[in-house]
Amino acid sequence: MGLSSLGIFHTIIGVGAIIAALVDFIKYGKINLNKLSGKIYFYGTMITSLTSLGISKHGGFNPGHAFSIFIIFLILGAYFLNAKRKNSVRARYFENFWLSFSFFLSLVPTVNETFTRIPVHHPLAKNITDPIIGRTLLFLLLLFVIGSVYQFFRQRLINRSEILE
């Protein structure tokens, strides 16, 4: 597989962040920064995004690095809204969307790297233009859109119930 020590560390932390996000999506329907799994996602994604800036199998700044920087801005924005705008019902929509979008964007290089490396001697894809990668990313985009709509309506119900209390 040819991973450096930084690549191995990056992968382990990244897998942990993805698992934490999936736990949150199952339990809460969103990434919940107020729970341990949401905090693991936040810090794991921050570490993974930062370490990805030191990894490049193609040399120099590439789209993966741009994704990482954008993901950092998304999760920091969501963290700010969670910490500083606790009483804003509108902020919850942005917080949910930004965290979910950061998760989706994290999956793009994850799918690319995984499919072009595993199984070790006969990877699923030859390169990032392989149709299986495109179909998988399209499926994940569809899940993201459906999940975002679900989160919007769920948050609206939560906001309405809090206003009535």
Protein backbone atom coordinates (compact mmCIF):
# COMPACT_ATOMS: atom_id res chain seq x y z
CA MET A 1 0.00 0.00 0.00
CA GLY A 2 2.97 2.31 0.49
CA LEU A 3 1.76 4.57 3.31
CA SER A 4 4.17 6.79 5.21
CA SER A 5 4.04 7.06 8.99
CA LEU A 6 2.06 10.29 8.58
CA GLY A 7 -0.25 8.51 6.12
CA ILE A 8 -0.89 5.68 8.59
CA PHE A 9 -1.60 8.15 11.43
CA HIS A 10 -3.84 10.21 9.10
CA THR A 11 -5.77 7.08 8.06
CA ILE A 12 -6.32 5.80 11.61
CA ILE A 13 -7.55 9.19 12.88
CA GLY A 14 -9.70 9.65 9.75
CA VAL A 15 -11.38 6.26 10.14
CA GLY A 16 -12.12 7.10 13.78
CA ALA A 17 -13.70 10.41 12.73
CA ILE A 18 -15.84 8.68 10.09
CA ILE A 19 -17.02 6.06 12.59
CA ALA A 20 -17.86 8.80 15.13
CA ALA A 21 -19.88 10.68 12.50
CA LEU A 22 -21.77 7.53 11.51
CA VAL A 23 -22.58 6.87 15.17
CA ASP A 24 -23.96 10.41 15.46
CA PHE A 25 -25.99 10.14 12.26
CA ILE A 26 -27.56 6.92 13.55
CA LYS A 27 -28.17 8.19 17.11
CA TYR A 28 -29.10 11.83 16.50
CA GLY A 29 -29.69 12.21 12.76
CA LYS A 30 -26.82 14.71 12.67
CA ILE A 31 -23.28 15.23 13.91
CA ASN A 32 -23.84 16.45 17.45
CA LEU A 33 -20.91 18.51 18.75
CA ASN A 34 -22.38 18.36 22.25
CA LYS A 35 -21.79 14.60 22.49
CA LEU A 36 -18.51 12.68 22.73
CA SER A 37 -18.90 11.16 19.28
CA GLY A 38 -19.43 14.64 17.78
CA LYS A 39 -16.31 15.90 19.53
CA ILE A 40 -14.36 12.90 18.24
CA TYR A 41 -15.60 13.76 14.73
CA PHE A 42 -14.62 17.41 15.13
CA TYR A 43 -11.10 16.81 16.49
CA GLY A 44 -10.49 13.75 14.31
CA THR A 45 -11.53 15.64 11.19
CA MET A 46 -9.40 18.63 12.17
CA ILE A 47 -6.35 16.40 12.68
CA THR A 48 -7.03 14.44 9.49
CA SER A 49 -7.48 17.62 7.44
CA LEU A 50 -4.30 19.15 8.82
CA THR A 51 -2.22 16.00 8.33
CA SER A 52 -3.51 15.65 4.77
CA LEU A 53 -1.74 18.89 3.95
CA GLY A 54 1.55 17.05 4.53
CA ILE A 55 0.59 14.12 2.32
CA SER A 56 0.75 14.15 -1.46
CA LYS A 57 1.32 11.24 -3.77
CA HIS A 58 1.06 13.58 -6.77
CA GLY A 59 3.43 16.29 -5.49
CA GLY A 60 2.53 19.86 -4.60
CA PHE A 61 -0.81 21.47 -3.81
CA ASN A 62 -3.71 19.48 -5.26
CA PRO A 63 -7.53 19.31 -5.05
CA GLY A 64 -7.28 17.08 -1.95
CA HIS A 65 -5.44 19.87 -0.14
CA ALA A 66 -8.14 22.38 -1.18
CA PHE A 67 -10.81 19.98 0.15
CA SER A 68 -8.95 19.78 3.47
CA ILE A 69 -8.74 23.54 3.85
CA PHE A 70 -12.43 23.94 3.00
CA ILE A 71 -13.35 21.17 5.47
CA ILE A 72 -11.38 22.95 8.20
CA PHE A 73 -13.39 26.15 7.55
CA LEU A 74 -16.67 24.21 7.60
CA ILE A 75 -16.03 22.45 10.91
CA LEU A 76 -14.63 25.59 12.55
CA GLY A 77 -17.71 27.52 11.42
CA ALA A 78 -19.99 24.82 12.80
CA TYR A 79 -18.03 24.74 16.05
CA PHE A 80 -18.35 28.53 16.36
CA LEU A 81 -22.12 28.35 15.82
CA ASN A 82 -22.43 25.55 18.36
CA ALA A 83 -20.36 27.35 20.98
CA LYS A 84 -21.34 30.99 20.48
CA ARG A 85 -24.86 30.85 19.03
CA LYS A 86 -26.49 28.28 21.30
CA ASN A 87 -29.82 30.13 21.41
CA SER A 88 -30.08 30.79 17.69
CA VAL A 89 -32.54 28.45 15.99
CA ARG A 90 -31.28 29.59 12.58
CA ALA A 91 -27.68 28.72 13.49
CA ARG A 92 -28.62 25.05 13.99
CA TYR A 93 -29.52 24.74 10.29
CA PHE A 94 -26.10 26.02 9.24
CA GLU A 95 -24.29 23.98 11.89
CA ASN A 96 -26.01 20.76 10.75
CA PHE A 97 -25.42 21.48 7.07
CA TRP A 98 -21.77 22.48 7.46
CA LEU A 99 -20.94 19.39 9.51
CA SER A 100 -22.75 17.09 7.08
CA PHE A 101 -21.12 18.79 4.10
CA SER A 102 -17.70 18.42 5.75
CA PHE A 103 -18.43 14.71 6.19
CA PHE A 104 -19.44 14.34 2.54
CA LEU A 105 -16.34 16.22 1.35
CA SER A 106 -14.17 14.01 3.58
CA LEU A 107 -15.56 10.96 1.81
CA VAL A 108 -14.46 12.14 -1.65
CA PRO A 109 -10.70 11.62 -1.12
CA THR A 110 -11.48 8.67 1.17
CA VAL A 111 -13.30 6.85 -1.62
CA ASN A 112 -10.61 7.78 -4.16
CA GLU A 113 -7.75 6.57 -1.98
CA THR A 114 -9.52 3.45 -0.73
CA PHE A 115 -10.74 2.28 -4.12
CA THR A 116 -7.34 2.80 -5.76
CA ARG A 117 -5.47 0.95 -2.96
CA ILE A 118 -7.72 -1.89 -1.72
CA PRO A 119 -7.55 -4.84 -2.10
CA VAL A 120 -3.80 -4.42 -2.05
CA HIS A 121 -2.84 -6.49 -5.09
CA HIS A 122 -5.95 -5.84 -7.16
CA PRO A 123 -7.58 -2.47 -6.26
CA LEU A 124 -11.23 -1.83 -7.09
CA ALA A 125 -10.26 1.13 -9.31
CA LYS A 126 -7.24 1.75 -11.53
CA ASN A 127 -7.31 5.53 -10.98
CA ILE A 128 -9.64 8.31 -9.82
CA THR A 129 -11.41 8.45 -13.20
CA ASP A 130 -12.62 4.85 -12.85
CA PRO A 131 -16.43 4.62 -13.20
CA ILE A 132 -16.83 2.79 -9.87
CA ILE A 133 -15.48 5.85 -8.07
CA GLY A 134 -17.83 8.17 -9.95
CA ARG A 135 -20.86 5.97 -9.24
CA THR A 136 -19.94 5.66 -5.57
CA LEU A 137 -19.49 9.43 -5.19
CA LEU A 138 -22.80 10.03 -6.98
CA PHE A 139 -24.51 7.64 -4.56
CA LEU A 140 -22.89 9.43 -1.60
CA LEU A 141 -24.00 12.80 -3.00
CA LEU A 142 -27.56 11.49 -3.21
CA LEU A 143 -27.36 10.31 0.41
CA PHE A 144 -25.98 13.71 1.42
CA VAL A 145 -28.86 15.56 -0.28
CA ILE A 146 -31.49 13.25 1.24
CA GLY A 147 -29.83 13.49 4.65
CA SER A 148 -29.64 17.29 4.46
CA VAL A 149 -33.34 17.55 3.63
CA TYR A 150 -34.11 15.18 6.51
CA GLN A 151 -31.96 17.26 8.88
CA PHE A 152 -33.64 20.48 7.77
CA PHE A 153 -37.14 19.17 8.48
CA ARG A 154 -36.06 17.50 11.72
CA GLN A 155 -34.39 20.72 12.92
CA ARG A 156 -37.53 22.67 12.04
CA LEU A 157 -39.56 20.35 14.27
CA ILE A 158 -37.03 20.74 17.08
CA ASN A 159 -37.08 24.54 16.69
CA ARG A 160 -40.89 24.64 16.76
CA SER A 161 -41.07 22.48 19.89
CA GLU A 162 -38.52 24.72 21.66
CA ILE A 163 -40.50 27.85 20.76
CA LEU A 164 -43.70 26.29 22.18
CA GLU A 165 -42.02 25.45 25.51
